[in-house]
PDB file of all heavy atoms in Angstrom:
ATOM      1  N   GLY A   1     -22.693 -20.191  -9.744  1.00  0.00           N
ATOM      2  CA  GLY A   1     -21.983 -21.288  -9.121  1.00  0.00           C
ATOM      3  C   GLY A   1     -21.318 -20.913  -7.821  1.00  0.00           C
ATOM      4  O   GLY A   1     -20.913 -21.799  -7.059  1.00  0.00           O
ATOM      5  N   ARG A   2     -21.203 -19.616  -7.557  1.00  0.00           N
ATOM      6  CA  ARG A   2     -20.593 -19.137  -6.323  1.00  0.00           C
ATOM      7  C   ARG A   2     -21.581 -18.402  -5.420  1.00  0.00           C
ATOM      8  O   ARG A   2     -21.479 -18.470  -4.203  1.00  0.00           O
ATOM      9  CB  ARG A   2     -19.412 -18.212  -6.630  1.00  0.00           C
ATOM     10  CG  ARG A   2     -18.297 -18.887  -7.422  1.00  0.00           C
ATOM     11  CD  ARG A   2     -17.069 -17.982  -7.544  1.00  0.00           C
ATOM     12  NE  ARG A   2     -17.367 -16.753  -8.272  1.00  0.00           N
ATOM     13  CZ  ARG A   2     -17.259 -15.530  -7.759  1.00  0.00           C
ATOM     14  NH1 ARG A   2     -16.847 -15.373  -6.505  1.00  0.00           N
ATOM     15  NH2 ARG A   2     -17.536 -14.469  -8.497  1.00  0.00           N
ATOM     16  N   PHE A   3     -22.520 -17.687  -6.023  1.00  0.00           N
ATOM     17  CA  PHE A   3     -23.509 -16.923  -5.270  1.00  0.00           C
ATOM     18  C   PHE A   3     -24.862 -17.616  -5.357  1.00  0.00           C
ATOM     19  O   PHE A   3     -25.204 -18.224  -6.376  1.00  0.00           O
ATOM     20  CB  PHE A   3     -23.657 -15.504  -5.828  1.00  0.00           C
ATOM     21  CG  PHE A   3     -22.457 -14.617  -5.663  1.00  0.00           C
ATOM     22  CD1 PHE A   3     -21.261 -15.092  -5.151  1.00  0.00           C
ATOM     23  CD2 PHE A   3     -22.538 -13.281  -6.033  1.00  0.00           C
ATOM     24  CE1 PHE A   3     -20.158 -14.268  -5.006  1.00  0.00           C
ATOM     25  CE2 PHE A   3     -21.437 -12.449  -5.892  1.00  0.00           C
ATOM     26  CZ  PHE A   3     -20.247 -12.936  -5.383  1.00  0.00           C
ATOM     27  N   THR A   4     -25.641 -17.486  -4.301  1.00  0.00           N
ATOM     28  CA  THR A   4     -26.979 -18.049  -4.269  1.00  0.00           C
ATOM     29  C   THR A   4     -27.950 -17.032  -3.690  1.00  0.00           C
ATOM     30  O   THR A   4     -27.735 -16.522  -2.594  1.00  0.00           O
ATOM     31  CB  THR A   4     -27.035 -19.333  -3.428  1.00  0.00           C
ATOM     32  OG1 THR A   4     -26.104 -20.293  -3.934  1.00  0.00           O
ATOM     33  CG2 THR A   4     -28.440 -19.935  -3.480  1.00  0.00           C
ATOM     34  N   ILE A   5     -29.015 -16.756  -4.427  1.00  0.00           N
ATOM     35  CA  ILE A   5     -30.043 -15.846  -3.951  1.00  0.00           C
ATOM     36  C   ILE A   5     -31.215 -16.657  -3.409  1.00  0.00           C
ATOM     37  O   ILE A   5     -31.561 -17.711  -3.945  1.00  0.00           O
ATOM     38  CB  ILE A   5     -30.499 -14.882  -5.071  1.00  0.00           C
ATOM     39  CG1 ILE A   5     -31.387 -13.767  -4.510  1.00  0.00           C
ATOM     40  CG2 ILE A   5     -31.205 -15.631  -6.195  1.00  0.00           C
ATOM     41  CD1 ILE A   5     -31.678 -12.658  -5.522  1.00  0.00           C
ATOM     42  N   SER A   6     -31.808 -16.180  -2.340  1.00  0.00           N
ATOM     43  CA  SER A   6     -32.948 -16.848  -1.750  1.00  0.00           C
ATOM     44  C   SER A   6     -33.833 -15.817  -1.065  1.00  0.00           C
ATOM     45  O   SER A   6     -33.402 -14.700  -0.795  1.00  0.00           O
ATOM     46  CB  SER A   6     -32.514 -17.926  -0.755  1.00  0.00           C
ATOM     47  OG  SER A   6     -31.797 -17.361   0.330  1.00  0.00           O
ATOM     48  N   GLY A   7     -35.055 -16.205  -0.794  1.00  0.00           N
ATOM     49  CA  GLY A   7     -35.979 -15.296  -0.146  1.00  0.00           C
ATOM     50  C   GLY A   7     -36.707 -15.954   1.002  1.00  0.00           C
ATOM     51  O   GLY A   7     -36.972 -17.154   0.985  1.00  0.00           O
ATOM     52  N   ASP A   8     -37.009 -15.161   2.000  1.00  0.00           N
ATOM     53  CA  ASP A   8     -37.818 -15.587   3.126  1.00  0.00           C
ATOM     54  C   ASP A   8     -39.030 -14.678   3.142  1.00  0.00           C
ATOM     55  O   ASP A   8     -38.960 -13.548   3.626  1.00  0.00           O
ATOM     56  CB  ASP A   8     -37.034 -15.490   4.430  1.00  0.00           C
ATOM     57  CG  ASP A   8     -37.784 -16.054   5.622  1.00  0.00           C
ATOM     58  OD1 ASP A   8     -39.028 -16.104   5.598  1.00  0.00           O
ATOM     59  OD2 ASP A   8     -37.121 -16.449   6.601  1.00  0.00           O
ATOM     60  N   LYS A   9     -40.135 -15.157   2.598  1.00  0.00           N
ATOM     61  CA  LYS A   9     -41.314 -14.315   2.478  1.00  0.00           C
ATOM     62  C   LYS A   9     -41.907 -13.943   3.833  1.00  0.00           C
ATOM     63  O   LYS A   9     -42.490 -12.871   3.977  1.00  0.00           O
ATOM     64  CB  LYS A   9     -42.358 -15.004   1.599  1.00  0.00           C
ATOM     65  CG  LYS A   9     -41.924 -15.125   0.144  1.00  0.00           C
ATOM     66  CD  LYS A   9     -43.023 -15.677  -0.737  1.00  0.00           C
ATOM     67  CE  LYS A   9     -42.579 -15.688  -2.194  1.00  0.00           C
ATOM     68  NZ  LYS A   9     -43.661 -16.180  -3.086  1.00  0.00           N
ATOM     69  N   ALA A  10     -41.757 -14.814   4.802  1.00  0.00           N
ATOM     70  CA  ALA A  10     -42.270 -14.511   6.135  1.00  0.00           C
ATOM     71  C   ALA A  10     -41.562 -13.312   6.742  1.00  0.00           C
ATOM     72  O   ALA A  10     -42.159 -12.522   7.473  1.00  0.00           O
ATOM     73  CB  ALA A  10     -42.133 -15.725   7.044  1.00  0.00           C
ATOM     74  N   LYS A  11     -40.285 -13.172   6.439  1.00  0.00           N
ATOM     75  CA  LYS A  11     -39.496 -12.056   6.945  1.00  0.00           C
ATOM     76  C   LYS A  11     -39.397 -10.918   5.945  1.00  0.00           C
ATOM     77  O   LYS A  11     -38.817  -9.875   6.262  1.00  0.00           O
ATOM     78  CB  LYS A  11     -38.097 -12.529   7.324  1.00  0.00           C
ATOM     79  CG  LYS A  11     -38.059 -13.541   8.458  1.00  0.00           C
ATOM     80  CD  LYS A  11     -36.633 -13.935   8.787  1.00  0.00           C
ATOM     81  CE  LYS A  11     -36.583 -14.918   9.938  1.00  0.00           C
ATOM     82  NZ  LYS A  11     -35.190 -15.327  10.262  1.00  0.00           N
ATOM     83  N   ASN A  12     -39.941 -11.115   4.746  1.00  0.00           N
ATOM     84  CA  ASN A  12     -39.856 -10.126   3.675  1.00  0.00           C
ATOM     85  C   ASN A  12     -38.405  -9.707   3.447  1.00  0.00           C
ATOM     86  O   ASN A  12     -38.081  -8.521   3.312  1.00  0.00           O
ATOM     87  CB  ASN A  12     -40.726  -8.904   3.982  1.00  0.00           C
ATOM     88  CG  ASN A  12     -41.320  -8.288   2.729  1.00  0.00           C
ATOM     89  OD1 ASN A  12     -41.787  -8.996   1.836  1.00  0.00           O
ATOM     90  ND2 ASN A  12     -41.310  -6.959   2.656  1.00  0.00           N
ATOM     91  N   THR A  13     -37.553 -10.711   3.394  1.00  0.00           N
ATOM     92  CA  THR A  13     -36.124 -10.492   3.270  1.00  0.00           C
ATOM     93  C   THR A  13     -35.540 -11.405   2.200  1.00  0.00           C
ATOM     94  O   THR A  13     -35.905 -12.579   2.109  1.00  0.00           O
ATOM     95  CB  THR A  13     -35.412 -10.749   4.612  1.00  0.00           C
ATOM     96  OG1 THR A  13     -35.908  -9.838   5.600  1.00  0.00           O
ATOM     97  CG2 THR A  13     -33.910 -10.556   4.478  1.00  0.00           C
ATOM     98  N   VAL A  14     -34.656 -10.851   1.401  1.00  0.00           N
ATOM     99  CA  VAL A  14     -33.926 -11.616   0.395  1.00  0.00           C
ATOM    100  C   VAL A  14     -32.462 -11.683   0.796  1.00  0.00           C
ATOM    101  O   VAL A  14     -31.902 -10.703   1.295  1.00  0.00           O
ATOM    102  CB  VAL A  14     -34.086 -10.991  -1.002  1.00  0.00           C
ATOM    103  CG1 VAL A  14     -33.099 -11.600  -1.995  1.00  0.00           C
ATOM    104  CG2 VAL A  14     -35.511 -11.200  -1.499  1.00  0.00           C
ATOM    105  N   TYR A  15     -31.870 -12.832   0.572  1.00  0.00           N
ATOM    106  CA  TYR A  15     -30.479 -13.049   0.926  1.00  0.00           C
ATOM    107  C   TYR A  15     -29.646 -13.317  -0.317  1.00  0.00           C
ATOM    108  O   TYR A  15     -30.131 -13.833  -1.318  1.00  0.00           O
ATOM    109  CB  TYR A  15     -30.346 -14.239   1.881  1.00  0.00           C
ATOM    110  CG  TYR A  15     -31.184 -14.112   3.122  1.00  0.00           C
ATOM    111  CD1 TYR A  15     -32.441 -14.698   3.198  1.00  0.00           C
ATOM    112  CD2 TYR A  15     -30.722 -13.390   4.220  1.00  0.00           C
ATOM    113  CE1 TYR A  15     -33.219 -14.571   4.331  1.00  0.00           C
ATOM    114  CE2 TYR A  15     -31.493 -13.256   5.358  1.00  0.00           C
ATOM    115  CZ  TYR A  15     -32.741 -13.850   5.410  1.00  0.00           C
ATOM    116  OH  TYR A  15     -33.506 -13.716   6.544  1.00  0.00           O
ATOM    117  N   LEU A  16     -28.397 -12.973  -0.232  1.00  0.00           N
ATOM    118  CA  LEU A  16     -27.438 -13.338  -1.257  1.00  0.00           C
ATOM    119  C   LEU A  16     -26.243 -13.973  -0.566  1.00  0.00           C
ATOM    120  O   LEU A  16     -25.497 -13.291   0.140  1.00  0.00           O
ATOM    121  CB  LEU A  16     -26.994 -12.130  -2.087  1.00  0.00           C
ATOM    122  CG  LEU A  16     -26.115 -12.449  -3.297  1.00  0.00           C
ATOM    123  CD1 LEU A  16     -26.899 -13.234  -4.346  1.00  0.00           C
ATOM    124  CD2 LEU A  16     -25.547 -11.173  -3.917  1.00  0.00           C
ATOM    125  N   GLN A  17     -26.113 -15.276  -0.739  1.00  0.00           N
ATOM    126  CA  GLN A  17     -24.990 -16.000  -0.171  1.00  0.00           C
ATOM    127  C   GLN A  17     -23.812 -15.901  -1.126  1.00  0.00           C
ATOM    128  O   GLN A  17     -23.910 -16.315  -2.278  1.00  0.00           O
ATOM    129  CB  GLN A  17     -25.366 -17.464   0.058  1.00  0.00           C
ATOM    130  CG  GLN A  17     -24.248 -18.326   0.639  1.00  0.00           C
ATOM    131  CD  GLN A  17     -23.906 -17.963   2.059  1.00  0.00           C
ATOM    132  OE1 GLN A  17     -24.794 -17.702   2.863  1.00  0.00           O
ATOM    133  NE2 GLN A  17     -22.623 -17.935   2.380  1.00  0.00           N
ATOM    134  N   LEU A  18     -22.724 -15.365  -0.635  1.00  0.00           N
ATOM    135  CA  LEU A  18     -21.518 -15.182  -1.435  1.00  0.00           C
ATOM    136  C   LEU A  18     -20.479 -16.203  -0.993  1.00  0.00           C
ATOM    137  O   LEU A  18     -20.002 -16.147   0.137  1.00  0.00           O
ATOM    138  CB  LEU A  18     -20.952 -13.774  -1.272  1.00  0.00           C
ATOM    139  CG  LEU A  18     -21.929 -12.590  -1.314  1.00  0.00           C
ATOM    140  CD1 LEU A  18     -21.169 -11.289  -1.105  1.00  0.00           C
ATOM    141  CD2 LEU A  18     -22.678 -12.567  -2.630  1.00  0.00           C
ATOM    142  N   ASN A  19     -20.148 -17.126  -1.863  1.00  0.00           N
ATOM    143  CA  ASN A  19     -19.146 -18.134  -1.571  1.00  0.00           C
ATOM    144  C   ASN A  19     -17.980 -18.017  -2.541  1.00  0.00           C
ATOM    145  O   ASN A  19     -18.099 -17.431  -3.610  1.00  0.00           O
ATOM    146  CB  ASN A  19     -19.750 -19.542  -1.668  1.00  0.00           C
ATOM    147  CG  ASN A  19     -20.801 -19.817  -0.623  1.00  0.00           C
ATOM    148  OD1 ASN A  19     -20.739 -19.306   0.495  1.00  0.00           O
ATOM    149  ND2 ASN A  19     -21.779 -20.648  -0.963  1.00  0.00           N
ATOM    150  N   SER A  20     -16.877 -18.609  -2.158  1.00  0.00           N
ATOM    151  CA  SER A  20     -15.681 -18.624  -3.006  1.00  0.00           C
ATOM    152  C   SER A  20     -15.354 -17.234  -3.518  1.00  0.00           C
ATOM    153  O   SER A  20     -15.099 -17.029  -4.708  1.00  0.00           O
ATOM    154  CB  SER A  20     -15.883 -19.600  -4.172  1.00  0.00           C
ATOM    155  OG  SER A  20     -16.154 -20.907  -3.709  1.00  0.00           O
ATOM    156  N   LEU A  21     -15.344 -16.293  -2.616  1.00  0.00           N
ATOM    157  CA  LEU A  21     -15.181 -14.900  -3.003  1.00  0.00           C
ATOM    158  C   LEU A  21     -13.807 -14.620  -3.590  1.00  0.00           C
ATOM    159  O   LEU A  21     -12.796 -15.188  -3.158  1.00  0.00           O
ATOM    160  CB  LEU A  21     -15.439 -13.993  -1.811  1.00  0.00           C
ATOM    161  CG  LEU A  21     -16.921 -13.814  -1.476  1.00  0.00           C
ATOM    162  CD1 LEU A  21     -17.102 -13.284  -0.059  1.00  0.00           C
ATOM    163  CD2 LEU A  21     -17.579 -12.879  -2.484  1.00  0.00           C
ATOM    164  N   LYS A  22     -13.807 -13.752  -4.569  1.00  0.00           N
ATOM    165  CA  LYS A  22     -12.599 -13.339  -5.260  1.00  0.00           C
ATOM    166  C   LYS A  22     -12.391 -11.846  -5.063  1.00  0.00           C
ATOM    167  O   LYS A  22     -13.346 -11.110  -4.822  1.00  0.00           O
ATOM    168  CB  LYS A  22     -12.723 -13.637  -6.759  1.00  0.00           C
ATOM    169  CG  LYS A  22     -13.035 -15.085  -7.103  1.00  0.00           C
ATOM    170  CD  LYS A  22     -13.265 -15.245  -8.596  1.00  0.00           C
ATOM    171  CE  LYS A  22     -13.592 -16.673  -8.957  1.00  0.00           C
ATOM    172  NZ  LYS A  22     -13.838 -16.827 -10.421  1.00  0.00           N
ATOM    173  N   PRO A  23     -11.154 -11.374  -5.174  1.00  0.00           N
ATOM    174  CA  PRO A  23     -10.924  -9.933  -5.037  1.00  0.00           C
ATOM    175  C   PRO A  23     -11.777  -9.102  -5.986  1.00  0.00           C
ATOM    176  O   PRO A  23     -12.196  -7.994  -5.623  1.00  0.00           O
ATOM    177  CB  PRO A  23      -9.430  -9.792  -5.352  1.00  0.00           C
ATOM    178  CG  PRO A  23      -8.850 -11.100  -4.915  1.00  0.00           C
ATOM    179  CD  PRO A  23      -9.892 -12.124  -5.284  1.00  0.00           C
ATOM    180  N   GLU A  24     -12.056  -9.604  -7.169  1.00  0.00           N
ATOM    181  CA  GLU A  24     -12.862  -8.865  -8.121  1.00  0.00           C
ATOM    182  C   GLU A  24     -14.333  -8.762  -7.728  1.00  0.00           C
ATOM    183  O   GLU A  24     -15.100  -8.054  -8.383  1.00  0.00           O
ATOM    184  CB  GLU A  24     -12.739  -9.455  -9.534  1.00  0.00           C
ATOM    185  CG  GLU A  24     -13.007 -10.949  -9.605  1.00  0.00           C
ATOM    186  CD  GLU A  24     -11.732 -11.773  -9.585  1.00  0.00           C
ATOM    187  OE1 GLU A  24     -10.829 -11.458  -8.789  1.00  0.00           O
ATOM    188  OE2 GLU A  24     -11.644 -12.731 -10.382  1.00  0.00           O
ATOM    189  N   ASP A  25     -14.734  -9.464  -6.675  1.00  0.00           N
ATOM    190  CA  ASP A  25     -16.082  -9.322  -6.148  1.00  0.00           C
ATOM    191  C   ASP A  25     -16.218  -8.096  -5.254  1.00  0.00           C
ATOM    192  O   ASP A  25     -17.329  -7.769  -4.822  1.00  0.00           O
ATOM    193  CB  ASP A  25     -16.494 -10.561  -5.358  1.00  0.00           C
ATOM    194  CG  ASP A  25     -16.611 -11.803  -6.220  1.00  0.00           C
ATOM    195  OD1 ASP A  25     -17.150 -11.705  -7.350  1.00  0.00           O
ATOM    196  OD2 ASP A  25     -16.176 -12.881  -5.772  1.00  0.00           O
ATOM    197  N   THR A  26     -15.118  -7.454  -4.948  1.00  0.00           N
ATOM    198  CA  THR A  26     -15.144  -6.278  -4.093  1.00  0.00           C
ATOM    199  C   THR A  26     -16.004  -5.187  -4.723  1.00  0.00           C
ATOM    200  O   THR A  26     -15.768  -4.773  -5.857  1.00  0.00           O
ATOM    201  CB  THR A  26     -13.728  -5.747  -3.858  1.00  0.00           C
ATOM    202  OG1 THR A  26     -12.967  -6.721  -3.144  1.00  0.00           O
ATOM    203  CG2 THR A  26     -13.755  -4.458  -3.049  1.00  0.00           C
ATOM    204  N   ALA A  27     -17.001  -4.735  -3.988  1.00  0.00           N
ATOM    205  CA  ALA A  27     -17.926  -3.735  -4.505  1.00  0.00           C
ATOM    206  C   ALA A  27     -18.922  -3.384  -3.408  1.00  0.00           C
ATOM    207  O   ALA A  27     -19.014  -4.061  -2.385  1.00  0.00           O
ATOM    208  CB  ALA A  27     -18.679  -4.259  -5.730  1.00  0.00           C
ATOM    209  N   VAL A  28     -19.671  -2.316  -3.655  1.00  0.00           N
ATOM    210  CA  VAL A  28     -20.842  -2.035  -2.846  1.00  0.00           C
ATOM    211  C   VAL A  28     -22.011  -2.790  -3.463  1.00  0.00           C
ATOM    212  O   VAL A  28     -22.266  -2.671  -4.665  1.00  0.00           O
ATOM    213  CB  VAL A  28     -21.153  -0.526  -2.781  1.00  0.00           C
ATOM    214  CG1 VAL A  28     -22.428  -0.274  -1.983  1.00  0.00           C
ATOM    215  CG2 VAL A  28     -19.983   0.223  -2.147  1.00  0.00           C
ATOM    216  N   TYR A  29     -22.695  -3.553  -2.661  1.00  0.00           N
ATOM    217  CA  TYR A  29     -23.809  -4.365  -3.132  1.00  0.00           C
ATOM    218  C   TYR A  29     -25.126  -3.725  -2.729  1.00  0.00           C
ATOM    219  O   TYR A  29     -25.304  -3.310  -1.581  1.00  0.00           O
ATOM    220  CB  TYR A  29     -23.717  -5.778  -2.559  1.00  0.00           C
ATOM    221  CG  TYR A  29     -22.650  -6.621  -3.215  1.00  0.00           C
ATOM    222  CD1 TYR A  29     -21.300  -6.363  -2.993  1.00  0.00           C
ATOM    223  CD2 TYR A  29     -22.990  -7.673  -4.072  1.00  0.00           C
ATOM    224  CE1 TYR A  29     -20.320  -7.123  -3.610  1.00  0.00           C
ATOM    225  CE2 TYR A  29     -22.012  -8.437  -4.683  1.00  0.00           C
ATOM    226  CZ  TYR A  29     -20.679  -8.163  -4.453  1.00  0.00           C
ATOM    227  OH  TYR A  29     -19.700  -8.923  -5.062  1.00  0.00           O
ATOM    228  N   TYR A  30     -26.040  -3.649  -3.680  1.00  0.00           N
ATOM    229  CA  TYR A  30     -27.338  -3.045  -3.477  1.00  0.00           C
ATOM    230  C   TYR A  30     -28.440  -4.032  -3.849  1.00  0.00           C
ATOM    231  O   TYR A  30     -28.275  -4.839  -4.756  1.00  0.00           O
ATOM    232  CB  TYR A  30     -27.526  -1.809  -4.366  1.00  0.00           C
ATOM    233  CG  TYR A  30     -26.491  -0.735  -4.220  1.00  0.00           C
ATOM    234  CD1 TYR A  30     -25.300  -0.785  -4.922  1.00  0.00           C
ATOM    235  CD2 TYR A  30     -26.726   0.363  -3.391  1.00  0.00           C
ATOM    236  CE1 TYR A  30     -24.350   0.223  -4.806  1.00  0.00           C
ATOM    237  CE2 TYR A  30     -25.790   1.369  -3.272  1.00  0.00           C
ATOM    238  CZ  TYR A  30     -24.606   1.295  -3.980  1.00  0.00           C
ATOM    239  OH  TYR A  30     -23.683   2.296  -3.864  1.00  0.00           O
ATOM    240  N   CYS A  31     -29.558  -3.936  -3.177  1.00  0.00           N
ATOM    241  CA  CYS A  31     -30.734  -4.645  -3.630  1.00  0.00           C
ATOM    242  C   CYS A  31     -31.734  -3.638  -4.178  1.00  0.00           C
ATOM    243  O   CYS A  31     -31.716  -2.457  -3.816  1.00  0.00           O
ATOM    244  CB  CYS A  31     -31.357  -5.499  -2.512  1.00  0.00           C
ATOM    245  SG  CYS A  31     -31.732  -4.629  -0.979  1.00  0.00           S
TER     246      CYS A  31
END
């Protein structure tokens, strides 16, 4: 409900949209 994953196959790139961020979301993010 807060994060959204999507992909752009033409760019061979995946995105993670982070919304309504909370302090507990603090972290190193890896794909």
